């Protein structure tokens, strides 16, 4: 998945996709351990996709925190 398609997902879809990617990565690791994995790049691609999803989730958490801080600052004034 590219970053644009990841950013287009809702929060629930992001968490679902994260779980799916983690499961796929786990299966790829087992295939590699048993010598059944032909494309070693698929491990790297899967790991990077997981990192991208986590990055988008964290960006959204930070944005939500900033909105809360601004709302508290406006209430204090």
PDB file of N, CA and C in Angstrom:
ATOM      1  N   UNK A   1       0.838  -1.180   0.000  1.00  0.00           N
ATOM      2  CA  UNK A   1       0.000   0.000   0.000  1.00  0.00           C
ATOM      3  C   UNK A   1       0.886   1.247   0.000  1.00  0.00           C
ATOM      4  N   UNK A   2       0.447   2.232  -0.730  1.00  0.00           N
ATOM      5  CA  UNK A   2       1.185   3.481  -0.711  1.00  0.00           C
ATOM      6  C   UNK A   2       0.587   4.396   0.350  1.00  0.00           C
ATOM      7  N   UNK A   3       1.293   5.442   0.673  1.00  0.00           N
ATOM      8  CA  UNK A   3       0.910   6.313   1.776  1.00  0.00           C
ATOM      9  C   UNK A   3      -0.410   7.037   1.504  1.00  0.00           C
ATOM     10  N   UNK A   4      -0.694   7.354   0.256  1.00  0.00           N
ATOM     11  CA  UNK A   4      -1.948   8.045  -0.060  1.00  0.00           C
ATOM     12  C   UNK A   4      -3.162   7.168   0.220  1.00  0.00           C
ATOM     13  N   UNK A   5      -3.063   5.899  -0.123  1.00  0.00           N
ATOM     14  CA  UNK A   5      -4.192   5.003   0.151  1.00  0.00           C
ATOM     15  C   UNK A   5      -4.329   4.751   1.649  1.00  0.00           C
ATOM     16  N   UNK A   6      -3.228   4.756   2.373  1.00  0.00           N
ATOM     17  CA  UNK A   6      -3.290   4.567   3.829  1.00  0.00           C
ATOM     18  C   UNK A   6      -3.930   5.775   4.485  1.00  0.00           C
ATOM     19  N   UNK A   7      -3.553   6.968   4.040  1.00  0.00           N
ATOM     20  CA  UNK A   7      -4.137   8.188   4.613  1.00  0.00           C
ATOM     21  C   UNK A   7      -5.640   8.296   4.318  1.00  0.00           C
ATOM     22  N   UNK A   8      -6.103   7.647   3.268  1.00  0.00           N
ATOM     23  CA  UNK A   8      -7.513   7.691   2.912  1.00  0.00           C
ATOM     24  C   UNK A   8      -8.391   6.790   3.759  1.00  0.00           C
ATOM     25  N   UNK A   9      -7.781   5.949   4.585  1.00  0.00           N
ATOM     26  CA  UNK A   9      -8.547   5.026   5.417  1.00  0.00           C
ATOM     27  C   UNK A   9      -9.033   5.706   6.691  1.00  0.00           C
ATOM     28  N   UNK A  10     -10.148   5.239   7.209  1.00  0.00           N
ATOM     29  CA  UNK A  10     -10.632   5.744   8.493  1.00  0.00           C
ATOM     30  C   UNK A  10      -9.814   5.112   9.612  1.00  0.00           C
ATOM     31  N   UNK A  11     -10.033   5.576  10.830  1.00  0.00           N
ATOM     32  CA  UNK A  11      -9.275   5.051  11.967  1.00  0.00           C
ATOM     33  C   UNK A  11      -9.519   3.554  12.161  1.00  0.00           C
ATOM     34  N   UNK A  12     -10.781   3.141  12.092  1.00  0.00           N
ATOM     35  CA  UNK A  12     -11.093   1.721  12.265  1.00  0.00           C
ATOM     36  C   UNK A  12     -10.465   0.878  11.164  1.00  0.00           C
ATOM     37  N   UNK A  13     -10.515   1.379   9.943  1.00  0.00           N
ATOM     38  CA  UNK A  13      -9.910   0.663   8.827  1.00  0.00           C
ATOM     39  C   UNK A  13      -8.391   0.573   8.986  1.00  0.00           C
ATOM     40  N   UNK A  14      -7.795   1.620   9.538  1.00  0.00           N
ATOM     41  CA  UNK A  14      -6.352   1.611   9.769  1.00  0.00           C
ATOM     42  C   UNK A  14      -5.960   0.517  10.754  1.00  0.00           C
ATOM     43  N   UNK A  15      -6.700   0.423  11.847  1.00  0.00           N
ATOM     44  CA  UNK A  15      -6.390  -0.600  12.844  1.00  0.00           C
ATOM     45  C   UNK A  15      -6.620  -2.005  12.283  1.00  0.00           C
ATOM     46  N   UNK A  16      -7.670  -2.167  11.478  1.00  0.00           N
ATOM     47  CA  UNK A  16      -7.914  -3.464  10.841  1.00  0.00           C
ATOM     48  C   UNK A  16      -6.793  -3.823   9.873  1.00  0.00           C
ATOM     49  N   UNK A  17      -6.373  -2.854   9.083  1.00  0.00           N
ATOM     50  CA  UNK A  17      -5.297  -3.086   8.117  1.00  0.00           C
ATOM     51  C   UNK A  17      -3.979  -3.379   8.838  1.00  0.00           C
ATOM     52  N   UNK A  18      -3.750  -2.707   9.956  1.00  0.00           N
ATOM     53  CA  UNK A  18      -2.542  -2.956  10.737  1.00  0.00           C
ATOM     54  C   UNK A  18      -2.508  -4.395  11.220  1.00  0.00           C
ATOM     55  N   UNK A  19      -3.623  -4.878  11.733  1.00  0.00           N
ATOM     56  CA  UNK A  19      -3.690  -6.267  12.193  1.00  0.00           C
ATOM     57  C   UNK A  19      -3.489  -7.244  11.031  1.00  0.00           C
ATOM     58  N   UNK A  20      -4.083  -6.943   9.890  1.00  0.00           N
ATOM     59  CA  UNK A  20      -3.916  -7.804   8.714  1.00  0.00           C
ATOM     60  C   UNK A  20      -2.460  -7.855   8.269  1.00  0.00           C
ATOM     61  N   UNK A  21      -1.809  -6.699   8.257  1.00  0.00           N
ATOM     62  CA  UNK A  21      -0.412  -6.638   7.836  1.00  0.00           C
ATOM     63  C   UNK A  21       0.507  -7.347   8.828  1.00  0.00           C
ATOM     64  N   UNK A  22       0.209  -7.220  10.129  1.00  0.00           N
ATOM     65  CA  UNK A  22       1.010  -7.922  11.131  1.00  0.00           C
ATOM     66  C   UNK A  22       0.886  -9.439  10.958  1.00  0.00           C
ATOM     67  N   UNK A  23      -0.328  -9.887  10.683  1.00  0.00           N
ATOM     68  CA  UNK A  23      -0.554 -11.317  10.464  1.00  0.00           C
ATOM     69  C   UNK A  23       0.169 -11.796   9.208  1.00  0.00           C
ATOM     70  N   UNK A  24       0.115 -11.011   8.159  1.00  0.00           N
ATOM     71  CA  UNK A  24       0.799 -11.367   6.916  1.00  0.00           C
ATOM     72  C   UNK A  24       2.311 -11.410   7.127  1.00  0.00           C
ATOM     73  N   UNK A  25       2.846 -10.469   7.880  1.00  0.00           N
ATOM     74  CA  UNK A  25       4.278 -10.437   8.165  1.00  0.00           C
ATOM     75  C   UNK A  25       4.686 -11.674   8.973  1.00  0.00           C
ATOM     76  N   UNK A  26       3.853 -12.045   9.929  1.00  0.00           N
ATOM     77  CA  UNK A  26       4.114 -13.228  10.742  1.00  0.00           C
ATOM     78  C   UNK A  26       4.185 -14.489   9.871  1.00  0.00           C
ATOM     79  N   UNK A  27       3.243 -14.601   8.946  1.00  0.00           N
ATOM     80  CA  UNK A  27       3.221 -15.752   8.043  1.00  0.00           C
ATOM     81  C   UNK A  27       4.447 -15.757   7.128  1.00  0.00           C
ATOM     82  N   UNK A  28       4.845 -14.580   6.658  1.00  0.00           N
ATOM     83  CA  UNK A  28       6.028 -14.483   5.806  1.00  0.00           C
ATOM     84  C   UNK A  28       7.287 -14.904   6.551  1.00  0.00           C
ATOM     85  N   UNK A  29       7.362 -14.544   7.822  1.00  0.00           N
ATOM     86  CA  UNK A  29       8.525 -14.943   8.613  1.00  0.00           C
ATOM     87  C   UNK A  29       8.597 -16.461   8.761  1.00  0.00           C
ATOM     88  N   UNK A  30       7.449 -17.102   8.945  1.00  0.00           N
ATOM     89  CA  UNK A  30       7.440 -18.560   9.036  1.00  0.00           C
ATOM     90  C   UNK A  30       7.839 -19.195   7.711  1.00  0.00           C
ATOM     91  N   UNK A  31       7.340 -18.636   6.620  1.00  0.00           N
ATOM     92  CA  UNK A  31       7.714 -19.167   5.311  1.00  0.00           C
ATOM     93  C   UNK A  31       9.214 -19.060   5.094  1.00  0.00           C
ATOM     94  N   UNK A  32       9.785 -17.951   5.532  1.00  0.00           N
ATOM     95  CA  UNK A  32      11.233 -17.768   5.389  1.00  0.00           C
ATOM     96  C   UNK A  32      11.991 -18.781   6.248  1.00  0.00           C
ATOM     97  N   UNK A  33      11.501 -19.016   7.455  1.00  0.00           N
ATOM     98  CA  UNK A  33      12.173 -19.939   8.360  1.00  0.00           C
ATOM     99  C   UNK A  33      12.178 -21.367   7.809  1.00  0.00           C
ATOM    100  N   UNK A  34      11.122 -21.742   7.107  1.00  0.00           N
ATOM    101  CA  UNK A  34      11.026 -23.091   6.560  1.00  0.00           C
ATOM    102  C   UNK A  34      11.544 -23.186   5.128  1.00  0.00           C
ATOM    103  N   UNK A  35      12.073 -22.083   4.621  1.00  0.00           N
ATOM    104  CA  UNK A  35      12.665 -22.099   3.293  1.00  0.00           C
ATOM    105  C   UNK A  35      11.659 -22.090   2.159  1.00  0.00           C
ATOM    106  N   UNK A  36      10.440 -21.678   2.435  1.00  0.00           N
ATOM    107  CA  UNK A  36       9.396 -21.666   1.418  1.00  0.00           C
ATOM    108  C   UNK A  36       9.213 -20.300   0.772  1.00  0.00           C
ATOM    109  N   UNK A  37       9.843 -19.283   1.318  1.00  0.00           N
ATOM    110  CA  UNK A  37       9.659 -17.920   0.819  1.00  0.00           C
ATOM    111  C   UNK A  37      10.615 -17.685  -0.349  1.00  0.00           C
ATOM    112  N   UNK A  38      10.038 -17.362  -1.488  1.00  0.00           N
ATOM    113  CA  UNK A  38      10.851 -17.123  -2.679  1.00  0.00           C
ATOM    114  C   UNK A  38      11.240 -15.662  -2.834  1.00  0.00           C
ATOM    115  N   UNK A  39      10.330 -14.763  -2.475  1.00  0.00           N
ATOM    116  CA  UNK A  39      10.569 -13.327  -2.641  1.00  0.00           C
ATOM    117  C   UNK A  39      10.909 -12.713  -1.283  1.00  0.00           C
ATOM    118  N   UNK A  40      12.185 -12.528  -1.013  1.00  0.00           N
ATOM    119  CA  UNK A  40      12.603 -11.982   0.272  1.00  0.00           C
ATOM    120  C   UNK A  40      12.229 -10.504   0.413  1.00  0.00           C
ATOM    121  N   UNK A  41      11.988  -9.832  -0.695  1.00  0.00           N
ATOM    122  CA  UNK A  41      11.578  -8.430  -0.636  1.00  0.00           C
ATOM    123  C   UNK A  41      10.200  -8.266  -0.013  1.00  0.00           C
ATOM    124  N   UNK A  42       9.389  -9.312  -0.053  1.00  0.00           N
ATOM    125  CA  UNK A  42       8.045  -9.211   0.519  1.00  0.00           C
ATOM    126  C   UNK A  42       8.101  -8.968   2.023  1.00  0.00           C
ATOM    127  N   UNK A  43       9.134  -9.475   2.691  1.00  0.00           N
ATOM    128  CA  UNK A  43       9.303  -9.184   4.121  1.00  0.00           C
ATOM    129  C   UNK A  43       9.535  -7.693   4.342  1.00  0.00           C
ATOM    130  N   UNK A  44      10.413  -7.120   3.557  1.00  0.00           N
ATOM    131  CA  UNK A  44      10.724  -5.696   3.705  1.00  0.00           C
ATOM    132  C   UNK A  44       9.510  -4.840   3.365  1.00  0.00           C
ATOM    133  N   UNK A  45       8.806  -5.198   2.323  1.00  0.00           N
ATOM    134  CA  UNK A  45       7.621  -4.444   1.913  1.00  0.00           C
ATOM    135  C   UNK A  45       6.559  -4.489   3.005  1.00  0.00           C
ATOM    136  N   UNK A  46       6.349  -5.665   3.570  1.00  0.00           N
ATOM    137  CA  UNK A  46       5.354  -5.825   4.631  1.00  0.00           C
ATOM    138  C   UNK A  46       5.734  -5.007   5.863  1.00  0.00           C
ATOM    139  N   UNK A  47       7.003  -5.046   6.228  1.00  0.00           N
ATOM    140  CA  UNK A  47       7.470  -4.298   7.395  1.00  0.00           C
ATOM    141  C   UNK A  47       7.303  -2.796   7.182  1.00  0.00           C
ATOM    142  N   UNK A  48       7.596  -2.331   5.993  1.00  0.00           N
ATOM    143  CA  UNK A  48       7.465  -0.901   5.699  1.00  0.00           C
ATOM    144  C   UNK A  48       6.002  -0.466   5.682  1.00  0.00           C
ATOM    145  N   UNK A  49       5.125  -1.332   5.207  1.00  0.00           N
ATOM    146  CA  UNK A  49       3.697  -1.014   5.221  1.00  0.00           C
ATOM    147  C   UNK A  49       3.198  -0.881   6.653  1.00  0.00           C
ATOM    148  N   UNK A  50       3.642  -1.768   7.526  1.00  0.00           N
ATOM    149  CA  UNK A  50       3.274  -1.683   8.941  1.00  0.00           C
ATOM    150  C   UNK A  50       3.764  -0.360   9.517  1.00  0.00           C
ATOM    151  N   UNK A  51       4.984   0.027   9.202  1.00  0.00           N
ATOM    152  CA  UNK A  51       5.534   1.284   9.697  1.00  0.00           C
ATOM    153  C   UNK A  51       4.749   2.484   9.177  1.00  0.00           C
ATOM    154  N   UNK A  52       4.351   2.436   7.927  1.00  0.00           N
ATOM    155  CA  UNK A  52       3.565   3.538   7.352  1.00  0.00           C
ATOM    156  C   UNK A  52       2.227   3.678   8.076  1.00  0.00           C
ATOM    157  N   UNK A  53       1.575   2.550   8.323  1.00  0.00           N
ATOM    158  CA  UNK A  53       0.279   2.581   9.008  1.00  0.00           C
ATOM    159  C   UNK A  53       0.442   3.141  10.415  1.00  0.00           C
ATOM    160  N   UNK A  54       1.470   2.688  11.130  1.00  0.00           N
ATOM    161  CA  UNK A  54       1.709   3.194  12.474  1.00  0.00           C
ATOM    162  C   UNK A  54       2.012   4.684  12.468  1.00  0.00           C
ATOM    163  N   UNK A  55       2.712   5.147  11.452  1.00  0.00           N
ATOM    164  CA  UNK A  55       3.033   6.570  11.337  1.00  0.00           C
ATOM    165  C   UNK A  55       1.767   7.397  11.167  1.00  0.00           C
ATOM    166  N   UNK A  56       0.861   6.951  10.313  1.00  0.00           N
ATOM    167  CA  UNK A  56      -0.384   7.681  10.082  1.00  0.00           C
ATOM    168  C   UNK A  56      -1.233   7.684  11.352  1.00  0.00           C
ATOM    169  N   UNK A  57      -1.275   6.561  12.054  1.00  0.00           N
ATOM    170  CA  UNK A  57      -2.028   6.494  13.306  1.00  0.00           C
ATOM    171  C   UNK A  57      -1.460   7.506  14.304  1.00  0.00           C
ATOM    172  N   UNK A  58      -0.143   7.555  14.428  1.00  0.00           N
ATOM    173  CA  UNK A  58       0.498   8.479  15.365  1.00  0.00           C
ATOM    174  C   UNK A  58       0.276   9.929  14.955  1.00  0.00           C
ATOM    175  N   UNK A  59       0.327  10.216  13.668  1.00  0.00           N
ATOM    176  CA  UNK A  59       0.057  11.577  13.195  1.00  0.00           C
ATOM    177  C   UNK A  59      -1.340  12.017  13.601  1.00  0.00           C
ATOM    178  N   UNK A  60      -2.290  11.116  13.471  1.00  0.00           N
ATOM    179  CA  UNK A  60      -3.675  11.447  13.839  1.00  0.00           C
ATOM    180  C   UNK A  60      -3.819  11.637  15.344  1.00  0.00           C
ATOM    181  N   UNK A  61      -3.096  10.851  16.137  1.00  0.00           N
ATOM    182  CA  UNK A  61      -3.130  11.025  17.588  1.00  0.00           C
ATOM    183  C   UNK A  61      -2.578  12.395  17.975  1.00  0.00           C
ATOM    184  N   UNK A  62      -1.477  12.780  17.371  1.00  0.00           N
ATOM    185  CA  UNK A  62      -0.864  14.078  17.665  1.00  0.00           C
ATOM    186  C   UNK A  62      -1.792  15.213  17.255  1.00  0.00           C
ATOM    187  N   UNK A  63      -2.427  15.085  16.097  1.00  0.00           N
ATOM    188  CA  UNK A  63      -3.361  16.120  15.636  1.00  0.00           C
ATOM    189  C   UNK A  63      -4.537  16.246  16.601  1.00  0.00           C
ATOM    190  N   UNK A  64      -5.034  15.131  17.106  1.00  0.00           N
ATOM    191  CA  UNK A  64      -6.153  15.163  18.053  1.00  0.00           C
ATOM    192  C   UNK A  64      -5.734  15.816  19.361  1.00  0.00           C
ATOM    193  N   UNK A  65      -4.518  15.552  19.805  1.00  0.00           N
ATOM    194  CA  UNK A  65      -4.016  16.168  21.036  1.00  0.00           C
ATOM    195  C   UNK A  65      -3.880  17.675  20.861  1.00  0.00           C
ATOM    196  N   UNK A  66      -3.423  18.107  19.704  1.00  0.00           N
ATOM    197  CA  UNK A  66      -3.270  19.538  19.454  1.00  0.00           C
ATOM    198  C   UNK A  66      -4.616  20.235  19.448  1.00  0.00           C
ATOM    199  N   UNK A  67      -5.631  19.582  18.921  1.00  0.00           N
ATOM    200  CA  UNK A  67      -6.976  20.157  18.920  1.00  0.00           C
ATOM    201  C   UNK A  67      -7.480  20.297  20.350  1.00  0.00           C
ATOM    202  N   UNK A  68      -7.216  19.276  21.178  1.00  0.00           N
ATOM    203  CA  UNK A  68      -7.638  19.343  22.577  1.00  0.00           C
ATOM    204  C   UNK A  68      -6.934  20.471  23.317  1.00  0.00           C
ATOM    205  N   UNK A  69      -5.645  20.633  23.092  1.00  0.00           N
ATOM    206  CA  UNK A  69      -4.881  21.691  23.755  1.00  0.00           C
ATOM    207  C   UNK A  69      -5.390  23.057  23.322  1.00  0.00           C
ATOM    208  N   UNK A  70      -5.674  23.229  22.055  1.00  0.00           N
ATOM    209  CA  UNK A  70      -6.192  24.504  21.573  1.00  0.00           C
ATOM    210  C   UNK A  70      -7.568  24.781  22.151  1.00  0.00           C
ATOM    211  N   UNK A  71      -8.393  23.755  22.288  1.00  0.00           N
ATOM    212  CA  UNK A  71      -9.727  23.932  22.865  1.00  0.00           C
ATOM    213  C   UNK A  71      -9.622  24.332  24.331  1.00  0.00           C
ATOM    214  N   UNK A  72      -8.681  23.731  25.071  1.00  0.00           N
ATOM    215  CA  UNK A  72      -8.475  24.084  26.472  1.00  0.00           C
ATOM    216  C   UNK A  72      -7.944  25.511  26.599  1.00  0.00           C
ATOM    217  N   UNK A  73      -7.080  25.903  25.685  1.00  0.00           N
ATOM    218  CA  UNK A  73      -6.533  27.258  25.718  1.00  0.00           C
ATOM    219  C   UNK A  73      -7.623  28.287  25.433  1.00  0.00           C
ATOM    220  N   UNK A  74      -8.520  27.963  24.528  1.00  0.00           N
ATOM    221  CA  UNK A  74      -9.619  28.875  24.200  1.00  0.00           C
ATOM    222  C   UNK A  74     -10.598  28.960  25.367  1.00  0.00           C
ATOM    223  N   UNK A  75     -10.791  27.863  26.082  1.00  0.00           N
ATOM    224  CA  UNK A  75     -11.695  27.877  27.231  1.00  0.00           C
ATOM    225  C   UNK A  75     -11.101  28.677  28.393  1.00  0.00           C
ATOM    226  N   UNK A  76      -9.787  28.661  28.515  1.00  0.00           N
ATOM    227  CA  UNK A  76      -9.127  29.370  29.607  1.00  0.00           C
ATOM    228  C   UNK A  76      -9.166  30.878  29.391  1.00  0.00           C
ATOM    229  N   UNK A  77      -9.264  31.299  28.171  1.00  0.00           N
ATOM    230  CA  UNK A  77      -9.276  32.742  27.888  1.00  0.00           C
ATOM    231  C   UNK A  77     -10.595  33.302  28.193  1.00  0.00           C
TER     232      UNK A  77
END
